[in-house]
Amino acid sequence: MQLTIAKRLKLPINAIKVAIDSGEAYAQLAIDAELVKEHNVTVSPTLIFNEGRQRLNGNVGYRVIEANIRELLHNPAGE
């Protein structure tokens, strides 16, 4: 099923198969699962910034996301 969707989206099927067959894809899923626990993620989507000190949960508008990212990128360290 996933490969059918990947084909429709014109994704690199061979690279996807290699990642699955090598275990890399499953390893990345395991890392994601650990991060979910570490950061107490209980809703989707959740965006976590600033080493976990800032989070946006649920249905957040793109302007709010953009404003948060701009602040993180353009403010001096320690501010």
N, C-alpha and C. Protein backbone atom coordinates (compact mmCIF):
# COMPACT_ATOMS: atom_id res chain seq x y z
N MET A 1 0.82 -1.20 0.00
CA MET A 1 0.00 0.00 0.00
C MET A 1 0.86 1.26 0.00
N GLN A 2 1.89 1.30 0.88
CA GLN A 2 2.74 2.48 0.94
C GLN A 2 3.49 2.69 -0.37
N LEU A 3 3.97 1.60 -0.97
CA LEU A 3 4.69 1.74 -2.23
C LEU A 3 3.78 2.19 -3.36
N THR A 4 2.52 1.79 -3.32
CA THR A 4 1.55 2.26 -4.31
C THR A 4 1.38 3.77 -4.21
N ILE A 5 1.27 4.25 -2.98
CA ILE A 5 1.15 5.70 -2.75
C ILE A 5 2.44 6.40 -3.19
N ALA A 6 3.57 5.82 -2.84
CA ALA A 6 4.86 6.40 -3.22
C ALA A 6 4.98 6.50 -4.74
N LYS A 7 4.54 5.48 -5.45
CA LYS A 7 4.58 5.51 -6.92
C LYS A 7 3.72 6.63 -7.46
N ARG A 8 2.51 6.78 -6.90
CA ARG A 8 1.61 7.85 -7.34
C ARG A 8 2.22 9.22 -7.11
N LEU A 9 3.00 9.35 -6.03
CA LEU A 9 3.64 10.62 -5.70
C LEU A 9 4.99 10.79 -6.40
N LYS A 10 5.35 9.80 -7.21
CA LYS A 10 6.61 9.82 -7.96
C LYS A 10 7.82 9.94 -7.04
N LEU A 11 7.79 9.20 -5.93
CA LEU A 11 8.90 9.17 -4.99
C LEU A 11 9.90 8.10 -5.44
N PRO A 12 11.14 8.17 -4.97
CA PRO A 12 12.16 7.21 -5.40
C PRO A 12 11.94 5.82 -4.78
N ILE A 13 11.24 4.97 -5.47
CA ILE A 13 10.83 3.65 -4.96
C ILE A 13 12.04 2.81 -4.55
N ASN A 14 13.08 2.79 -5.38
CA ASN A 14 14.25 1.95 -5.05
C ASN A 14 14.90 2.42 -3.75
N ALA A 15 15.03 3.72 -3.57
CA ALA A 15 15.62 4.24 -2.33
C ALA A 15 14.75 3.91 -1.12
N ILE A 16 13.45 3.94 -1.31
CA ILE A 16 12.53 3.59 -0.23
C ILE A 16 12.68 2.12 0.14
N LYS A 17 12.76 1.26 -0.89
CA LYS A 17 12.93 -0.17 -0.63
C LYS A 17 14.25 -0.45 0.09
N VAL A 18 15.31 0.23 -0.31
CA VAL A 18 16.61 0.05 0.35
C VAL A 18 16.53 0.44 1.82
N ALA A 19 15.87 1.58 2.10
CA ALA A 19 15.74 2.04 3.48
C ALA A 19 14.93 1.05 4.32
N ILE A 20 13.90 0.48 3.74
CA ILE A 20 13.08 -0.50 4.46
C ILE A 20 13.86 -1.80 4.66
N ASP A 21 14.46 -2.30 3.57
CA ASP A 21 15.18 -3.58 3.64
C ASP A 21 16.40 -3.53 4.57
N SER A 22 17.05 -2.39 4.65
CA SER A 22 18.23 -2.27 5.50
C SER A 22 17.88 -2.08 6.98
N GLY A 23 16.62 -1.75 7.25
CA GLY A 23 16.20 -1.48 8.62
C GLY A 23 16.29 -0.01 9.00
N GLU A 24 16.87 0.80 8.11
CA GLU A 24 17.03 2.23 8.39
C GLU A 24 15.67 2.91 8.65
N ALA A 25 14.67 2.58 7.86
CA ALA A 25 13.35 3.19 8.02
C ALA A 25 12.76 2.86 9.38
N TYR A 26 12.91 1.60 9.81
CA TYR A 26 12.37 1.19 11.10
C TYR A 26 13.15 1.83 12.25
N ALA A 27 14.44 1.99 12.05
CA ALA A 27 15.27 2.64 13.08
C ALA A 27 14.83 4.09 13.26
N GLN A 28 14.53 4.77 12.15
CA GLN A 28 14.07 6.16 12.25
C GLN A 28 12.71 6.25 12.94
N LEU A 29 11.84 5.29 12.67
CA LEU A 29 10.55 5.25 13.37
C LEU A 29 10.74 5.06 14.87
N ALA A 30 11.68 4.22 15.24
CA ALA A 30 11.96 3.99 16.66
C ALA A 30 12.49 5.25 17.32
N ILE A 31 13.35 5.98 16.61
CA ILE A 31 13.86 7.25 17.13
C ILE A 31 12.72 8.24 17.32
N ASP A 32 11.82 8.32 16.35
CA ASP A 32 10.66 9.20 16.48
C ASP A 32 9.80 8.82 17.68
N ALA A 33 9.59 7.53 17.89
CA ALA A 33 8.79 7.07 19.03
C ALA A 33 9.43 7.49 20.35
N GLU A 34 10.74 7.41 20.43
CA GLU A 34 11.45 7.84 21.64
C GLU A 34 11.31 9.34 21.85
N LEU A 35 11.39 10.11 20.78
CA LEU A 35 11.23 11.57 20.89
C LEU A 35 9.82 11.95 21.35
N VAL A 36 8.82 11.19 20.89
CA VAL A 36 7.44 11.42 21.33
C VAL A 36 7.36 11.29 22.85
N LYS A 37 7.97 10.24 23.38
CA LYS A 37 7.96 10.04 24.84
C LYS A 37 8.75 11.13 25.55
N GLU A 38 9.93 11.42 25.03
CA GLU A 38 10.82 12.40 25.66
C GLU A 38 10.17 13.78 25.75
N HIS A 39 9.43 14.17 24.71
CA HIS A 39 8.84 15.51 24.67
C HIS A 39 7.36 15.53 25.05
N ASN A 40 6.85 14.41 25.53
CA ASN A 40 5.45 14.34 25.97
C ASN A 40 4.47 14.81 24.89
N VAL A 41 4.63 14.34 23.69
CA VAL A 41 3.74 14.72 22.60
C VAL A 41 2.46 13.92 22.74
N THR A 42 1.34 14.65 22.88
CA THR A 42 0.05 13.98 23.07
C THR A 42 -0.96 14.30 21.98
N VAL A 43 -0.67 15.28 21.13
CA VAL A 43 -1.58 15.64 20.04
C VAL A 43 -0.78 15.76 18.75
N SER A 44 -1.50 15.67 17.64
CA SER A 44 -0.88 15.81 16.34
C SER A 44 -1.65 16.86 15.55
N PRO A 45 -0.98 17.75 14.89
CA PRO A 45 0.47 17.89 14.85
C PRO A 45 1.00 18.63 16.08
N THR A 46 2.26 18.37 16.39
CA THR A 46 2.98 19.11 17.42
C THR A 46 4.32 19.52 16.83
N LEU A 47 4.62 20.80 16.88
CA LEU A 47 5.91 21.32 16.44
C LEU A 47 6.69 21.73 17.67
N ILE A 48 7.90 21.23 17.81
CA ILE A 48 8.72 21.52 18.98
C ILE A 48 9.96 22.27 18.53
N PHE A 49 10.20 23.41 19.16
CA PHE A 49 11.33 24.26 18.82
C PHE A 49 12.20 24.48 20.05
N ASN A 50 13.38 25.04 19.79
CA ASN A 50 14.20 25.58 20.87
C ASN A 50 14.52 24.54 21.94
N GLU A 51 15.02 23.38 21.47
CA GLU A 51 15.38 22.27 22.35
C GLU A 51 14.24 21.87 23.29
N GLY A 52 13.02 21.94 22.81
CA GLY A 52 11.88 21.49 23.60
C GLY A 52 11.25 22.55 24.48
N ARG A 53 11.81 23.76 24.47
CA ARG A 53 11.27 24.80 25.35
C ARG A 53 10.04 25.49 24.76
N GLN A 54 9.80 25.28 23.51
CA GLN A 54 8.67 25.93 22.85
C GLN A 54 7.93 24.90 22.01
N ARG A 55 6.60 24.91 22.08
CA ARG A 55 5.82 23.96 21.29
C ARG A 55 4.53 24.59 20.80
N LEU A 56 4.13 24.14 19.62
CA LEU A 56 2.85 24.52 19.04
C LEU A 56 2.07 23.23 18.84
N ASN A 57 0.87 23.17 19.39
CA ASN A 57 0.06 21.95 19.32
C ASN A 57 -1.21 22.18 18.52
N GLY A 58 -1.60 21.15 17.80
CA GLY A 58 -2.90 21.15 17.14
C GLY A 58 -2.95 21.99 15.89
N ASN A 59 -4.13 22.52 15.62
CA ASN A 59 -4.41 23.25 14.39
C ASN A 59 -3.90 24.68 14.50
N VAL A 60 -2.62 24.88 14.17
CA VAL A 60 -1.99 26.18 14.28
C VAL A 60 -1.81 26.75 12.88
N GLY A 61 -2.16 28.02 12.71
CA GLY A 61 -2.04 28.66 11.41
C GLY A 61 -0.59 28.83 10.98
N TYR A 62 -0.40 28.86 9.66
CA TYR A 62 0.97 28.96 9.15
C TYR A 62 1.63 30.26 9.53
N ARG A 63 0.86 31.34 9.74
CA ARG A 63 1.46 32.62 10.14
C ARG A 63 2.04 32.54 11.55
N VAL A 64 1.40 31.79 12.42
CA VAL A 64 1.91 31.60 13.78
C VAL A 64 3.19 30.78 13.72
N ILE A 65 3.20 29.74 12.91
CA ILE A 65 4.40 28.92 12.75
C ILE A 65 5.53 29.77 12.19
N GLU A 66 5.23 30.54 11.15
CA GLU A 66 6.25 31.39 10.53
C GLU A 66 6.81 32.41 11.52
N ALA A 67 5.95 33.03 12.31
CA ALA A 67 6.40 34.02 13.29
C ALA A 67 7.34 33.39 14.32
N ASN A 68 7.01 32.20 14.76
CA ASN A 68 7.86 31.50 15.73
C ASN A 68 9.22 31.16 15.13
N ILE A 69 9.23 30.68 13.92
CA ILE A 69 10.49 30.32 13.26
C ILE A 69 11.33 31.57 13.01
N ARG A 70 10.68 32.65 12.55
CA ARG A 70 11.43 33.90 12.32
C ARG A 70 12.09 34.38 13.61
N GLU A 71 11.38 34.33 14.69
CA GLU A 71 11.93 34.76 15.99
C GLU A 71 13.14 33.92 16.37
N LEU A 72 13.04 32.62 16.15
CA LEU A 72 14.16 31.75 16.50
C LEU A 72 15.37 31.99 15.61
N LEU A 73 15.14 32.29 14.35
CA LEU A 73 16.24 32.48 13.40
C LEU A 73 16.89 33.87 13.49
N HIS A 74 16.12 34.88 13.85
CA HIS A 74 16.61 36.24 13.73
C HIS A 74 16.92 36.93 15.06
N ASN A 75 16.71 36.28 16.16
CA ASN A 75 17.01 36.91 17.45
C ASN A 75 18.38 36.50 17.93
N PRO A 76 19.10 37.42 18.53
CA PRO A 76 20.43 37.08 19.05
C PRO A 76 20.34 36.02 20.16
N ALA A 77 21.41 35.25 20.28
CA ALA A 77 21.46 34.22 21.33
C ALA A 77 21.35 34.85 22.70
N GLY A 78 20.66 34.20 23.60
CA GLY A 78 20.52 34.68 24.97
C GLY A 78 19.42 35.70 25.17
N GLU A 79 18.73 36.08 24.10
CA GLU A 79 17.65 37.06 24.24
C GLU A 79 16.38 36.39 24.69
